[in-house]
PDB file of N, CA and C in Angstrom:
ATOM      1  N   UNK A   1    -183.975 -11.099  27.363  1.00  0.00           N
ATOM      2  CA  UNK A   1    -184.079 -11.679  28.679  1.00  0.00           C
ATOM      3  C   UNK A   1    -182.693 -12.119  29.126  1.00  0.00           C
ATOM      4  N   UNK A   2    -182.544 -12.379  30.393  1.00  0.00           N
ATOM      5  CA  UNK A   2    -181.263 -12.812  30.948  1.00  0.00           C
ATOM      6  C   UNK A   2    -181.086 -14.323  30.784  1.00  0.00           C
ATOM      7  N   UNK A   3    -179.864 -14.802  31.016  1.00  0.00           N
ATOM      8  CA  UNK A   3    -179.613 -16.235  30.960  1.00  0.00           C
ATOM      9  C   UNK A   3    -180.467 -16.975  31.979  1.00  0.00           C
ATOM     10  N   UNK A   4    -180.613 -16.415  33.167  1.00  0.00           N
ATOM     11  CA  UNK A   4    -181.402 -17.067  34.204  1.00  0.00           C
ATOM     12  C   UNK A   4    -182.840 -17.276  33.749  1.00  0.00           C
ATOM     13  N   UNK A   5    -183.409 -16.278  33.097  1.00  0.00           N
ATOM     14  CA  UNK A   5    -184.779 -16.398  32.590  1.00  0.00           C
ATOM     15  C   UNK A   5    -184.849 -17.432  31.465  1.00  0.00           C
ATOM     16  N   UNK A   6    -183.874 -17.402  30.573  1.00  0.00           N
ATOM     17  CA  UNK A   6    -183.823 -18.372  29.479  1.00  0.00           C
ATOM     18  C   UNK A   6    -183.639 -19.783  30.020  1.00  0.00           C
ATOM     19  N   UNK A   7    -182.766 -19.942  31.026  1.00  0.00           N
ATOM     20  CA  UNK A   7    -182.517 -21.252  31.613  1.00  0.00           C
ATOM     21  C   UNK A   7    -183.786 -21.836  32.215  1.00  0.00           C
ATOM     22  N   UNK A   8    -184.547 -21.028  32.893  1.00  0.00           N
ATOM     23  CA  UNK A   8    -185.802 -21.491  33.474  1.00  0.00           C
ATOM     24  C   UNK A   8    -186.733 -22.011  32.382  1.00  0.00           C
ATOM     25  N   UNK A   9    -186.806 -21.302  31.277  1.00  0.00           N
ATOM     26  CA  UNK A   9    -187.656 -21.729  30.166  1.00  0.00           C
ATOM     27  C   UNK A   9    -187.124 -23.010  29.535  1.00  0.00           C
ATOM     28  N   UNK A  10    -185.812 -23.111  29.353  1.00  0.00           N
ATOM     29  CA  UNK A  10    -185.198 -24.301  28.760  1.00  0.00           C
ATOM     30  C   UNK A  10    -185.425 -25.517  29.657  1.00  0.00           C
ATOM     31  N   UNK A  11    -185.335 -25.326  30.965  1.00  0.00           N
ATOM     32  CA  UNK A  11    -185.586 -26.428  31.899  1.00  0.00           C
ATOM     33  C   UNK A  11    -187.019 -26.935  31.794  1.00  0.00           C
ATOM     34  N   UNK A  12    -187.936 -26.088  31.389  1.00  0.00           N
ATOM     35  CA  UNK A  12    -189.336 -26.503  31.251  1.00  0.00           C
ATOM     36  C   UNK A  12    -189.647 -27.015  29.844  1.00  0.00           C
ATOM     37  N   UNK A  13    -188.597 -27.189  29.016  1.00  0.00           N
ATOM     38  CA  UNK A  13    -188.804 -27.773  27.698  1.00  0.00           C
ATOM     39  C   UNK A  13    -188.801 -26.813  26.533  1.00  0.00           C
ATOM     40  N   UNK A  14    -188.636 -25.532  26.789  1.00  0.00           N
ATOM     41  CA  UNK A  14    -188.601 -24.538  25.718  1.00  0.00           C
ATOM     42  C   UNK A  14    -187.210 -24.492  25.098  1.00  0.00           C
ATOM     43  N   UNK A  15    -187.043 -23.704  24.052  1.00  0.00           N
ATOM     44  CA  UNK A  15    -185.759 -23.475  23.393  1.00  0.00           C
ATOM     45  C   UNK A  15    -185.448 -21.992  23.456  1.00  0.00           C
ATOM     46  N   UNK A  16    -184.159 -21.676  23.574  1.00  0.00           N
ATOM     47  CA  UNK A  16    -183.749 -20.272  23.672  1.00  0.00           C
ATOM     48  C   UNK A  16    -182.533 -20.028  22.791  1.00  0.00           C
ATOM     49  N   UNK A  17    -182.322 -18.781  22.431  1.00  0.00           N
ATOM     50  CA  UNK A  17    -181.175 -18.393  21.611  1.00  0.00           C
ATOM     51  C   UNK A  17    -180.740 -16.990  22.004  1.00  0.00           C
ATOM     52  N   UNK A  18    -179.551 -16.639  21.556  1.00  0.00           N
ATOM     53  CA  UNK A  18    -179.044 -15.276  21.752  1.00  0.00           C
ATOM     54  C   UNK A  18    -179.074 -14.526  20.433  1.00  0.00           C
ATOM     55  N   UNK A  19    -179.394 -13.258  20.489  1.00  0.00           N
ATOM     56  CA  UNK A  19    -179.428 -12.438  19.274  1.00  0.00           C
ATOM     57  C   UNK A  19    -178.045 -12.355  18.635  1.00  0.00           C
ATOM     58  N   UNK A  20    -176.991 -12.481  19.437  1.00  0.00           N
ATOM     59  CA  UNK A  20    -175.622 -12.368  18.942  1.00  0.00           C
ATOM     60  C   UNK A  20    -175.150 -13.621  18.192  1.00  0.00           C
ATOM     61  N   UNK A  21    -175.801 -14.743  18.401  1.00  0.00           N
ATOM     62  CA  UNK A  21    -175.350 -15.988  17.772  1.00  0.00           C
ATOM     63  C   UNK A  21    -175.475 -15.912  16.259  1.00  0.00           C
ATOM     64  N   UNK A  22    -174.420 -16.380  15.578  1.00  0.00           N
ATOM     65  CA  UNK A  22    -174.410 -16.396  14.115  1.00  0.00           C
ATOM     66  C   UNK A  22    -174.463 -17.822  13.570  1.00  0.00           C
ATOM     67  N   UNK A  23    -173.987 -18.817  14.343  1.00  0.00           N
ATOM     68  CA  UNK A  23    -173.859 -20.183  13.842  1.00  0.00           C
ATOM     69  C   UNK A  23    -174.816 -21.177  14.480  1.00  0.00           C
ATOM     70  N   UNK A  24    -175.689 -20.723  15.344  1.00  0.00           N
ATOM     71  CA  UNK A  24    -176.618 -21.627  16.016  1.00  0.00           C
ATOM     72  C   UNK A  24    -178.031 -21.064  15.940  1.00  0.00           C
ATOM     73  N   UNK A  25    -178.992 -21.967  15.842  1.00  0.00           N
ATOM     74  CA  UNK A  25    -180.388 -21.560  15.804  1.00  0.00           C
ATOM     75  C   UNK A  25    -180.980 -21.423  17.194  1.00  0.00           C
ATOM     76  N   UNK A  26    -180.665 -22.396  18.070  1.00  0.00           N
ATOM     77  CA  UNK A  26    -181.203 -22.355  19.428  1.00  0.00           C
ATOM     78  C   UNK A  26    -180.461 -23.339  20.313  1.00  0.00           C
ATOM     79  N   UNK A  27    -180.667 -23.188  21.627  1.00  0.00           N
ATOM     80  CA  UNK A  27    -180.128 -24.110  22.624  1.00  0.00           C
ATOM     81  C   UNK A  27    -181.303 -24.805  23.301  1.00  0.00           C
ATOM     82  N   UNK A  28    -181.069 -26.031  23.712  1.00  0.00           N
ATOM     83  CA  UNK A  28    -182.086 -26.798  24.407  1.00  0.00           C
ATOM     84  C   UNK A  28    -181.438 -27.694  25.446  1.00  0.00           C
ATOM     85  N   UNK A  29    -182.258 -28.441  26.145  1.00  0.00           N
ATOM     86  CA  UNK A  29    -181.788 -29.350  27.182  1.00  0.00           C
ATOM     87  C   UNK A  29    -182.315 -30.739  26.879  1.00  0.00           C
ATOM     88  N   UNK A  30    -181.414 -31.697  26.744  1.00  0.00           N
ATOM     89  CA  UNK A  30    -181.800 -33.100  26.576  1.00  0.00           C
ATOM     90  C   UNK A  30    -181.720 -33.753  27.940  1.00  0.00           C
ATOM     91  N   UNK A  31    -182.818 -34.321  28.401  1.00  0.00           N
ATOM     92  CA  UNK A  31    -182.809 -34.881  29.755  1.00  0.00           C
ATOM     93  C   UNK A  31    -183.255 -36.330  29.836  1.00  0.00           C
ATOM     94  N   UNK A  32    -183.763 -36.895  28.752  1.00  0.00           N
ATOM     95  CA  UNK A  32    -184.123 -38.305  28.808  1.00  0.00           C
ATOM     96  C   UNK A  32    -184.034 -38.911  27.413  1.00  0.00           C
ATOM     97  N   UNK A  33    -184.014 -40.201  27.347  1.00  0.00           N
ATOM     98  CA  UNK A  33    -183.880 -40.892  26.085  1.00  0.00           C
ATOM     99  C   UNK A  33    -182.680 -41.815  26.109  1.00  0.00           C
ATOM    100  N   UNK A  34    -182.381 -42.377  24.985  1.00  0.00           N
ATOM    101  CA  UNK A  34    -181.265 -43.329  24.877  1.00  0.00           C
ATOM    102  C   UNK A  34    -180.237 -42.794  23.893  1.00  0.00           C
ATOM    103  N   UNK A  35    -178.981 -43.008  24.201  1.00  0.00           N
ATOM    104  CA  UNK A  35    -177.913 -42.504  23.355  1.00  0.00           C
ATOM    105  C   UNK A  35    -177.548 -43.460  22.233  1.00  0.00           C
ATOM    106  N   UNK A  36    -177.925 -44.719  22.308  1.00  0.00           N
ATOM    107  CA  UNK A  36    -177.683 -45.673  21.221  1.00  0.00           C
ATOM    108  C   UNK A  36    -178.672 -46.825  21.318  1.00  0.00           C
ATOM    109  N   UNK A  37    -178.540 -47.800  20.434  1.00  0.00           N
ATOM    110  CA  UNK A  37    -179.523 -48.885  20.371  1.00  0.00           C
ATOM    111  C   UNK A  37    -179.542 -49.763  21.608  1.00  0.00           C
ATOM    112  N   UNK A  38    -178.493 -49.751  22.410  1.00  0.00           N
ATOM    113  CA  UNK A  38    -178.470 -50.538  23.640  1.00  0.00           C
ATOM    114  C   UNK A  38    -179.204 -49.826  24.774  1.00  0.00           C
ATOM    115  N   UNK A  39    -179.823 -48.695  24.491  1.00  0.00           N
ATOM    116  CA  UNK A  39    -180.588 -47.932  25.482  1.00  0.00           C
ATOM    117  C   UNK A  39    -179.733 -47.566  26.686  1.00  0.00           C
ATOM    118  N   UNK A  40    -178.540 -47.060  26.427  1.00  0.00           N
ATOM    119  CA  UNK A  40    -177.657 -46.603  27.495  1.00  0.00           C
ATOM    120  C   UNK A  40    -178.222 -45.307  28.068  1.00  0.00           C
ATOM    121  N   UNK A  41    -178.352 -45.248  29.380  1.00  0.00           N
ATOM    122  CA  UNK A  41    -178.825 -44.013  30.011  1.00  0.00           C
ATOM    123  C   UNK A  41    -177.718 -42.963  29.982  1.00  0.00           C
ATOM    124  N   UNK A  42    -178.119 -41.708  29.923  1.00  0.00           N
ATOM    125  CA  UNK A  42    -177.146 -40.627  29.996  1.00  0.00           C
ATOM    126  C   UNK A  42    -177.691 -39.510  30.863  1.00  0.00           C
ATOM    127  N   UNK A  43    -176.792 -38.692  31.342  1.00  0.00           N
ATOM    128  CA  UNK A  43    -177.155 -37.552  32.175  1.00  0.00           C
ATOM    129  C   UNK A  43    -177.647 -36.412  31.292  1.00  0.00           C
ATOM    130  N   UNK A  44    -178.431 -35.492  31.832  1.00  0.00           N
ATOM    131  CA  UNK A  44    -178.901 -34.359  31.037  1.00  0.00           C
ATOM    132  C   UNK A  44    -177.731 -33.535  30.498  1.00  0.00           C
ATOM    133  N   UNK A  45    -177.944 -32.949  29.313  1.00  0.00           N
ATOM    134  CA  UNK A  45    -176.924 -32.078  28.731  1.00  0.00           C
ATOM    135  C   UNK A  45    -177.589 -30.999  27.883  1.00  0.00           C
ATOM    136  N   UNK A  46    -176.898 -29.874  27.742  1.00  0.00           N
ATOM    137  CA  UNK A  46    -177.339 -28.799  26.863  1.00  0.00           C
ATOM    138  C   UNK A  46    -176.860 -29.108  25.451  1.00  0.00           C
ATOM    139  N   UNK A  47    -177.639 -28.691  24.469  1.00  0.00           N
ATOM    140  CA  UNK A  47    -177.222 -28.816  23.078  1.00  0.00           C
ATOM    141  C   UNK A  47    -177.598 -27.546  22.328  1.00  0.00           C
ATOM    142  N   UNK A  48    -176.960 -27.344  21.187  1.00  0.00           N
ATOM    143  CA  UNK A  48    -177.380 -26.296  20.258  1.00  0.00           C
ATOM    144  C   UNK A  48    -177.697 -26.953  18.924  1.00  0.00           C
ATOM    145  N   UNK A  49    -178.671 -26.400  18.241  1.00  0.00           N
ATOM    146  CA  UNK A  49    -178.984 -26.797  16.872  1.00  0.00           C
ATOM    147  C   UNK A  49    -178.259 -25.792  15.980  1.00  0.00           C
ATOM    148  N   UNK A  50    -177.365 -26.297  15.128  1.00  0.00           N
ATOM    149  CA  UNK A  50    -176.578 -25.418  14.259  1.00  0.00           C
ATOM    150  C   UNK A  50    -177.369 -25.044  13.015  1.00  0.00           C
ATOM    151  N   UNK A  51    -176.858 -24.086  12.270  1.00  0.00           N
ATOM    152  CA  UNK A  51    -177.521 -23.665  11.042  1.00  0.00           C
ATOM    153  C   UNK A  51    -177.603 -24.794  10.023  1.00  0.00           C
ATOM    154  N   UNK A  52    -176.649 -25.728  10.072  1.00  0.00           N
ATOM    155  CA  UNK A  52    -176.666 -26.859   9.137  1.00  0.00           C
ATOM    156  C   UNK A  52    -177.670 -27.931   9.561  1.00  0.00           C
ATOM    157  N   UNK A  53    -178.280 -27.780  10.738  1.00  0.00           N
ATOM    158  CA  UNK A  53    -179.261 -28.738  11.222  1.00  0.00           C
ATOM    159  C   UNK A  53    -178.708 -29.757  12.195  1.00  0.00           C
ATOM    160  N   UNK A  54    -177.389 -29.740  12.417  1.00  0.00           N
ATOM    161  CA  UNK A  54    -176.767 -30.690  13.333  1.00  0.00           C
ATOM    162  C   UNK A  54    -176.996 -30.273  14.781  1.00  0.00           C
ATOM    163  N   UNK A  55    -176.958 -31.263  15.683  1.00  0.00           N
ATOM    164  CA  UNK A  55    -176.982 -30.996  17.117  1.00  0.00           C
ATOM    165  C   UNK A  55    -175.564 -31.115  17.646  1.00  0.00           C
ATOM    166  N   UNK A  56    -175.207 -30.247  18.577  1.00  0.00           N
ATOM    167  CA  UNK A  56    -173.884 -30.286  19.186  1.00  0.00           C
ATOM    168  C   UNK A  56    -174.029 -30.070  20.683  1.00  0.00           C
ATOM    169  N   UNK A  57    -173.282 -30.838  21.466  1.00  0.00           N
ATOM    170  CA  UNK A  57    -173.264 -30.608  22.913  1.00  0.00           C
ATOM    171  C   UNK A  57    -172.754 -29.194  23.143  1.00  0.00           C
ATOM    172  N   UNK A  58    -173.342 -28.491  24.117  1.00  0.00           N
ATOM    173  CA  UNK A  58    -173.027 -27.081  24.321  1.00  0.00           C
ATOM    174  C   UNK A  58    -172.852 -26.789  25.802  1.00  0.00           C
ATOM    175  N   UNK A  59    -171.849 -25.972  26.101  1.00  0.00           N
ATOM    176  CA  UNK A  59    -171.637 -25.453  27.445  1.00  0.00           C
ATOM    177  C   UNK A  59    -171.660 -23.931  27.353  1.00  0.00           C
ATOM    178  N   UNK A  60    -172.517 -23.249  28.107  1.00  0.00           N
ATOM    179  CA  UNK A  60    -172.581 -21.788  28.034  1.00  0.00           C
ATOM    180  C   UNK A  60    -171.234 -21.151  28.392  1.00  0.00           C
ATOM    181  N   UNK A  61    -170.854 -20.137  27.634  1.00  0.00           N
ATOM    182  CA  UNK A  61    -169.638 -19.373  27.923  1.00  0.00           C
ATOM    183  C   UNK A  61    -169.949 -18.306  28.978  1.00  0.00           C
ATOM    184  N   UNK A  62    -168.925 -17.660  29.476  1.00  0.00           N
ATOM    185  CA  UNK A  62    -169.117 -16.550  30.409  1.00  0.00           C
ATOM    186  C   UNK A  62    -169.976 -15.467  29.758  1.00  0.00           C
ATOM    187  N   UNK A  63    -169.731 -15.186  28.484  1.00  0.00           N
ATOM    188  CA  UNK A  63    -170.517 -14.175  27.767  1.00  0.00           C
ATOM    189  C   UNK A  63    -171.978 -14.597  27.675  1.00  0.00           C
ATOM    190  N   UNK A  64    -172.227 -15.895  27.430  1.00  0.00           N
ATOM    191  CA  UNK A  64    -173.615 -16.382  27.393  1.00  0.00           C
ATOM    192  C   UNK A  64    -174.297 -16.208  28.752  1.00  0.00           C
ATOM    193  N   UNK A  65    -173.573 -16.535  29.823  1.00  0.00           N
ATOM    194  CA  UNK A  65    -174.140 -16.447  31.173  1.00  0.00           C
ATOM    195  C   UNK A  65    -174.478 -15.018  31.577  1.00  0.00           C
ATOM    196  N   UNK A  66    -173.705 -14.056  31.102  1.00  0.00           N
ATOM    197  CA  UNK A  66    -173.894 -12.659  31.498  1.00  0.00           C
ATOM    198  C   UNK A  66    -174.731 -11.851  30.504  1.00  0.00           C
ATOM    199  N   UNK A  67    -175.077 -12.438  29.373  1.00  0.00           N
ATOM    200  CA  UNK A  67    -175.808 -11.715  28.331  1.00  0.00           C
ATOM    201  C   UNK A  67    -177.266 -11.489  28.720  1.00  0.00           C
ATOM    202  N   UNK A  68    -177.820 -10.431  28.157  1.00  0.00           N
ATOM    203  CA  UNK A  68    -179.240 -10.123  28.376  1.00  0.00           C
ATOM    204  C   UNK A  68    -179.987 -10.084  27.044  1.00  0.00           C
ATOM    205  N   UNK A  69    -179.416 -10.738  26.001  1.00  0.00           N
ATOM    206  CA  UNK A  69    -180.053 -10.732  24.682  1.00  0.00           C
ATOM    207  C   UNK A  69    -180.697 -12.078  24.329  1.00  0.00           C
ATOM    208  N   UNK A  70    -181.043 -12.859  25.335  1.00  0.00           N
ATOM    209  CA  UNK A  70    -181.684 -14.148  25.123  1.00  0.00           C
ATOM    210  C   UNK A  70    -183.140 -13.951  24.723  1.00  0.00           C
ATOM    211  N   UNK A  71    -183.647 -14.847  23.897  1.00  0.00           N
ATOM    212  CA  UNK A  71    -185.071 -14.846  23.550  1.00  0.00           C
ATOM    213  C   UNK A  71    -185.525 -16.283  23.353  1.00  0.00           C
ATOM    214  N   UNK A  72    -186.805 -16.520  23.430  1.00  0.00           N
ATOM    215  CA  UNK A  72    -187.354 -17.866  23.282  1.00  0.00           C
ATOM    216  C   UNK A  72    -187.625 -18.155  21.818  1.00  0.00           C
ATOM    217  N   UNK A  73    -187.374 -19.409  21.420  1.00  0.00           N
ATOM    218  CA  UNK A  73    -187.582 -19.866  20.051  1.00  0.00           C
ATOM    219  C   UNK A  73    -188.732 -20.850  20.073  1.00  0.00           C
ATOM    220  N   UNK A  74    -189.723 -20.618  19.241  1.00  0.00           N
ATOM    221  CA  UNK A  74    -190.879 -21.504  19.207  1.00  0.00           C
ATOM    222  C   UNK A  74    -190.524 -22.819  18.535  1.00  0.00           C
ATOM    223  N   UNK A  75    -191.031 -23.905  19.055  1.00  0.00           N
ATOM    224  CA  UNK A  75    -190.829 -25.237  18.457  1.00  0.00           C
ATOM    225  C   UNK A  75    -191.639 -25.333  17.180  1.00  0.00           C
ATOM    226  N   UNK A  76    -191.102 -26.108  16.231  1.00  0.00           N
ATOM    227  CA  UNK A  76    -191.819 -26.284  14.960  1.00  0.00           C
ATOM    228  C   UNK A  76    -192.566 -27.579  14.944  1.00  0.00           C
TER     229      UNK A  76
END
């Protein structure tokens, strides 16, 4: 699928990934919650879950935006 199709799914709470990715399991969108114990509000951001299990803030590259190898990842 295209990035646009994947983005629509991610905006609705799904997770997506690219077949070309080697170091990430999936990308998602964080849009609510607290960033620390003081319940500081934050703006929505994209993240990727890495193979090691860590979350990292993510910004799509030009290659990600133009790729057509996106697929949806089922939540566990």
